[in-house]
Amino acid sequence: MAISSGGYQNLALLSAVTAVRARFFGVKQHANGITDLRLLAEPGFVYQIQSSPNLQAWATLATLTNRTGGIYYLDAEAPGHAVRFYRTKLQ
């Protein structure tokens, strides 16, 4: 609300919500080959975790709603791949 010399006036404050891309802050391969992915992302948005053997063909491993600001994912299929790249995609 704003106050002017003529009395009270309504003032609307608008904020545009912009989704932030998820950022990897930890990637660890365990002795059994399973890969532990840790990401920071904007809470309330849905993200896909994707993998690729060649940076051209991408497959979605999981679709997760980020409720806390951190996304944790264990890639149990990683041991079957000689090379594995990861990325996130905002859904």
Protein backbone atom coordinates (compact mmCIF):
# COMPACT_ATOMS: atom_id res chain seq x y z
CA MET A 1 0.00 0.00 0.00
CA ALA A 2 1.26 3.48 -0.78
CA ILE A 3 0.28 6.66 0.98
CA SER A 4 0.04 9.88 -0.99
CA SER A 5 -1.19 13.36 -0.14
CA GLY A 6 -4.66 12.44 -1.36
CA GLY A 7 -5.04 9.44 0.97
CA TYR A 8 -4.43 5.74 0.47
CA GLN A 9 -3.75 4.19 -2.90
CA ASN A 10 -3.39 0.54 -3.76
CA LEU A 11 -0.01 -0.49 -5.05
CA ALA A 12 0.50 -3.89 -6.64
CA LEU A 13 3.94 -5.45 -6.51
CA LEU A 14 4.44 -8.15 -9.07
CA SER A 15 7.28 -10.61 -9.13
CA ALA A 16 8.12 -12.80 -12.09
CA VAL A 17 9.14 -16.31 -11.07
CA THR A 18 11.98 -17.60 -13.17
CA ALA A 19 13.03 -21.20 -12.91
CA VAL A 20 16.69 -21.76 -12.29
CA ARG A 21 18.56 -24.56 -14.02
CA ALA A 22 19.71 -27.35 -11.78
CA ARG A 23 23.45 -27.39 -11.06
CA PHE A 24 25.47 -30.47 -10.23
CA PHE A 25 27.36 -30.04 -6.97
CA GLY A 26 28.36 -33.65 -6.44
CA VAL A 27 28.88 -36.68 -8.65
CA LYS A 28 30.37 -39.79 -7.09
CA GLN A 29 30.85 -43.25 -8.49
CA HIS A 30 30.73 -45.94 -5.81
CA ALA A 31 32.86 -49.09 -5.81
CA ASN A 32 29.91 -51.08 -7.19
CA GLY A 33 29.64 -48.67 -10.16
CA ILE A 34 26.43 -46.94 -9.04
CA THR A 35 26.65 -43.18 -9.55
CA ASP A 36 25.38 -40.76 -6.90
CA LEU A 37 24.17 -37.45 -8.39
CA ARG A 38 23.56 -34.38 -6.22
CA LEU A 39 22.08 -31.20 -7.63
CA LEU A 40 21.01 -27.76 -6.47
CA ALA A 41 17.84 -26.41 -8.05
CA GLU A 42 14.89 -24.12 -7.50
CA PRO A 43 12.27 -25.70 -5.16
CA GLY A 44 8.84 -26.36 -6.62
CA PHE A 45 9.93 -27.13 -10.17
CA VAL A 46 10.03 -30.46 -11.99
CA TYR A 47 13.35 -31.60 -13.45
CA GLN A 48 14.35 -34.50 -15.66
CA ILE A 49 17.68 -36.22 -15.11
CA GLN A 50 19.00 -37.48 -18.42
CA SER A 51 21.97 -39.56 -19.51
CA SER A 52 23.83 -40.10 -22.76
CA PRO A 53 26.65 -42.33 -23.99
CA ASN A 54 27.75 -39.80 -26.65
CA LEU A 55 26.32 -36.32 -25.86
CA GLN A 56 23.89 -36.67 -28.77
CA ALA A 57 21.30 -39.29 -27.83
CA TRP A 58 19.73 -38.46 -24.44
CA ALA A 59 17.43 -40.66 -22.37
CA THR A 60 15.43 -39.61 -19.32
CA LEU A 61 16.40 -41.56 -16.21
CA ALA A 62 13.97 -39.88 -13.83
CA THR A 63 11.50 -37.02 -13.54
CA LEU A 64 11.61 -35.47 -10.09
CA THR A 65 9.82 -32.62 -8.34
CA ASN A 66 12.28 -30.59 -6.33
CA ARG A 67 10.67 -29.87 -2.97
CA THR A 68 13.68 -28.76 -0.92
CA GLY A 69 16.29 -27.15 -3.19
CA GLY A 70 18.38 -30.31 -3.43
CA ILE A 71 17.91 -33.25 -5.77
CA TYR A 72 19.55 -36.60 -4.98
CA TYR A 73 19.53 -39.46 -7.46
CA LEU A 74 21.28 -42.84 -7.57
CA ASP A 75 21.90 -44.13 -11.08
CA ALA A 76 21.77 -47.90 -10.56
CA GLU A 77 22.09 -48.48 -14.33
CA ALA A 78 25.50 -46.74 -14.53
CA PRO A 79 27.57 -49.92 -13.97
CA GLY A 80 26.39 -51.27 -17.34
CA HIS A 81 27.84 -48.32 -19.30
CA ALA A 82 31.47 -47.64 -20.15
CA VAL A 83 30.79 -43.91 -20.61
CA ARG A 84 27.85 -41.96 -19.18
CA PHE A 85 27.16 -38.21 -19.39
CA TYR A 86 24.47 -36.47 -17.35
CA ARG A 87 22.34 -33.37 -17.72
CA THR A 88 19.13 -31.95 -16.28
CA LYS A 89 16.17 -30.55 -18.13
CA LEU A 90 13.47 -28.32 -16.69
CA GLN A 91 10.11 -29.85 -17.47
